[in-house]
Amino acid sequence: MNNPIGILIIWLVFNLIIGNANKKKKEAQRKARELQNRPSTGVDTAQRKQKTQEYRKTLEEFKRQLEKEFRVPTEEPKKPATLREQAICDQAAEAEEERKRLEYEEAFKPVSESEAPKTEYISPKLSFNPKEDILKAIIYREILEKPKSLARR
C-alpha cells in the first residue's frame, strides 16, 4: 500500500463518505429552516372545520330560500260561502272555458288557400353560373358570419 494510487483511492472513498454525510446534514438543516418559516397547519384544521360548517349553514339557508321562491302553492281553492259568490265563481269559470275554447278554435281553424304560405318551385332547368353563385356565397357568408377582417382578432 505504499504506492500513491492506493492512497489516492482510499482518500477518494473517505471524501465521498464524508461529503455525503455533510450534504445530508445540510439538507436536513435546510428543511428544518423551511418548516420553521412555514406557518403551522394545526390551527388550519380547526379553521377549516369552522368554515365547512359555515358553508353548510349558508347552503342550507340558500336551499330553503330557493324552495320558498319556487314552491308551487298547493292550497285548494276556497269554496264560496254565499250564493252570490257561488254565482260569480261559476261565471268566471264559464268565461275561462269560453276563452280556452276560442283560443283552441283560433289555433286549429282551417287555413284557406289565399292565407296559405306561398312557395316558389325551382324549375328543373336551372341556369348555373359559377361566378355569380360564388360571389353570392361570399356575400352571404360575410353577412351571416363574422367578417374576414375581424376573424383573426
Protein backbone atom coordinates (compact mmCIF):
# COMPACT_ATOMS: atom_id res chain seq x y z
CA MET A 1 0.00 0.00 0.00
CA ASN A 2 2.93 2.24 -0.35
CA ASN A 3 2.06 3.13 -3.87
CA PRO A 4 0.36 6.50 -4.47
CA ILE A 5 -2.61 5.02 -6.35
CA GLY A 6 -3.78 3.05 -3.30
CA ILE A 7 -3.51 6.12 -1.10
CA LEU A 8 -5.45 8.13 -3.69
CA ILE A 9 -8.24 5.54 -3.82
CA ILE A 10 -8.56 5.46 -0.01
CA TRP A 11 -8.55 9.26 0.14
CA LEU A 12 -11.28 9.39 -2.58
CA VAL A 13 -13.54 6.89 -0.80
CA PHE A 14 -13.07 8.71 2.50
CA ASN A 15 -14.01 12.09 0.90
CA LEU A 16 -17.08 10.58 -0.72
CA ILE A 17 -18.34 9.20 2.61
CA ILE A 18 -17.67 12.43 4.49
CA GLY A 19 -19.08 14.56 1.62
CA ASN A 20 -22.32 12.57 1.52
CA ALA A 21 -22.69 12.91 5.29
CA ASN A 22 -22.18 16.69 5.07
CA LYS A 23 -24.71 17.01 2.23
CA LYS A 24 -27.32 15.07 4.21
CA LYS A 25 -26.69 17.25 7.27
CA LYS A 26 -27.04 20.49 5.25
CA GLU A 27 -30.23 19.20 3.59
CA ALA A 28 -31.74 18.37 6.99
CA GLN A 29 -30.87 21.86 8.28
CA ARG A 30 -32.41 23.49 5.19
CA LYS A 31 -35.65 21.51 5.62
CA ALA A 32 -35.79 22.44 9.29
CA ARG A 33 -35.44 26.14 8.39
CA GLU A 34 -38.23 25.82 5.79
CA LEU A 35 -40.52 24.21 8.34
CA GLN A 36 -39.84 26.99 10.82
CA ASN A 37 -40.61 29.67 8.23
CA ARG A 38 -43.81 27.95 7.08
CA PRO A 39 -46.95 28.75 9.10
CA SER A 40 -48.25 25.87 11.17
CA THR A 41 -51.14 23.85 9.75
CA GLY A 42 -52.51 22.53 13.05
CA VAL A 43 -54.65 25.64 13.53
CA ASP A 44 -55.85 25.45 9.95
CA THR A 45 -57.77 22.23 10.56
CA ALA A 46 -59.96 23.87 13.21
CA GLN A 47 -60.49 26.84 10.90
CA ARG A 48 -61.35 24.51 8.02
CA LYS A 49 -63.93 22.70 10.12
CA GLN A 50 -65.45 26.01 11.15
CA LYS A 51 -65.53 27.28 7.55
CA THR A 52 -67.05 23.99 6.38
CA GLN A 53 -69.82 24.32 8.95
CA GLU A 54 -70.41 27.93 7.89
CA TYR A 55 -70.61 26.89 4.23
CA ARG A 56 -73.07 24.14 5.08
CA LYS A 57 -75.26 26.60 7.01
CA THR A 58 -75.11 29.05 4.11
CA LEU A 59 -76.01 26.33 1.62
CA GLU A 60 -78.91 25.16 3.76
CA GLU A 61 -80.22 28.73 4.03
CA PHE A 62 -79.86 29.20 0.28
CA LYS A 63 -81.66 25.91 -0.34
CA ARG A 64 -84.54 26.94 1.94
CA GLN A 65 -84.77 30.31 0.19
CA LEU A 66 -84.91 28.66 -3.24
CA GLU A 67 -87.58 26.24 -2.06
CA LYS A 68 -89.64 29.18 -0.78
CA GLU A 69 -89.32 31.08 -4.05
CA PHE A 70 -90.09 28.17 -6.36
CA ARG A 71 -92.66 26.36 -4.25
CA VAL A 72 -95.94 25.92 -6.09
CA PRO A 73 -98.86 26.70 -3.84
CA THR A 74 -100.86 23.55 -3.18
CA GLU A 75 -103.79 25.22 -1.47
CA GLU A 76 -107.23 24.13 -2.58
CA PRO A 77 -109.49 26.89 -3.84
CA LYS A 78 -111.80 28.20 -1.16
CA LYS A 79 -115.45 27.35 -1.53
CA PRO A 80 -117.72 30.37 -1.73
CA ALA A 81 -119.77 31.00 1.36
CA THR A 82 -122.83 32.68 -0.20
CA LEU A 83 -124.94 32.08 -3.30
CA ARG A 84 -123.77 35.34 -4.83
CA GLU A 85 -120.11 34.34 -4.50
CA GLN A 86 -121.03 30.95 -5.99
CA ALA A 87 -122.66 32.65 -8.99
CA ILE A 88 -119.61 34.89 -9.52
CA CYS A 89 -117.28 31.87 -9.40
CA ASP A 90 -119.48 29.99 -11.89
CA GLN A 91 -119.46 32.97 -14.29
CA ALA A 92 -115.68 33.23 -14.03
CA ALA A 93 -115.27 29.51 -14.73
CA GLU A 94 -117.61 29.74 -17.75
CA ALA A 95 -115.71 32.77 -19.07
CA GLU A 96 -112.39 30.89 -18.70
CA GLU A 97 -113.78 27.86 -20.54
CA GLU A 98 -115.09 30.09 -23.33
CA ARG A 99 -111.71 31.82 -23.64
CA LYS A 100 -109.89 28.47 -23.87
CA ARG A 101 -112.38 27.21 -26.47
CA LEU A 102 -111.90 30.34 -28.60
CA GLU A 103 -108.11 30.05 -28.36
CA TYR A 104 -108.32 26.41 -29.43
CA GLU A 105 -110.59 27.22 -32.38
CA GLU A 106 -108.30 30.08 -33.44
CA ALA A 107 -105.23 27.87 -33.31
CA PHE A 108 -106.76 24.97 -35.22
CA LYS A 109 -109.10 26.66 -37.70
CA PRO A 110 -108.65 25.54 -41.29
CA VAL A 111 -106.48 27.73 -43.45
CA SER A 112 -107.87 28.97 -46.75
CA GLU A 113 -105.75 28.79 -49.88
CA SER A 114 -105.32 32.56 -50.01
CA GLU A 115 -103.84 32.54 -46.49
CA ALA A 116 -101.58 29.56 -47.11
CA PRO A 117 -97.89 30.34 -47.42
CA LYS A 118 -96.73 30.75 -50.97
CA THR A 119 -93.79 28.66 -52.11
CA GLU A 120 -91.69 29.10 -55.18
CA TYR A 121 -90.93 25.98 -57.07
CA ILE A 122 -87.50 25.58 -58.57
CA SER A 123 -87.63 24.78 -62.22
CA PRO A 124 -85.74 21.70 -63.38
CA LYS A 125 -84.00 23.82 -65.99
CA LEU A 126 -81.72 25.67 -63.62
CA SER A 127 -79.21 28.07 -65.02
CA PHE A 128 -75.87 27.56 -63.31
CA ASN A 129 -73.44 30.44 -63.36
CA PRO A 130 -70.49 29.59 -61.10
CA LYS A 131 -69.06 33.11 -60.86
CA GLU A 132 -72.33 34.67 -59.72
CA ASP A 133 -73.06 31.80 -57.33
CA ILE A 134 -69.62 32.00 -55.73
CA LEU A 135 -69.97 35.77 -55.39
CA LYS A 136 -73.38 35.36 -53.74
CA ALA A 137 -71.97 32.73 -51.38
CA ILE A 138 -69.14 35.05 -50.30
CA ILE A 139 -71.55 37.92 -49.71
CA TYR A 140 -73.93 35.76 -47.67
CA ARG A 141 -71.03 34.39 -45.68
CA GLU A 142 -69.84 37.91 -44.85
CA ILE A 143 -73.35 38.87 -43.81
CA LEU A 144 -74.10 35.80 -41.72
CA GLU A 145 -70.69 35.11 -40.16
CA LYS A 146 -68.03 37.21 -38.53
CA PRO A 147 -66.36 39.34 -41.21
CA LYS A 148 -63.00 38.16 -42.51
CA SER A 149 -61.42 41.43 -41.43
CA LEU A 150 -62.30 40.64 -37.80
CA ALA A 151 -61.81 36.86 -37.93
CA ARG A 152 -58.25 36.77 -36.60
CA ARG A 153 -58.80 39.07 -33.66
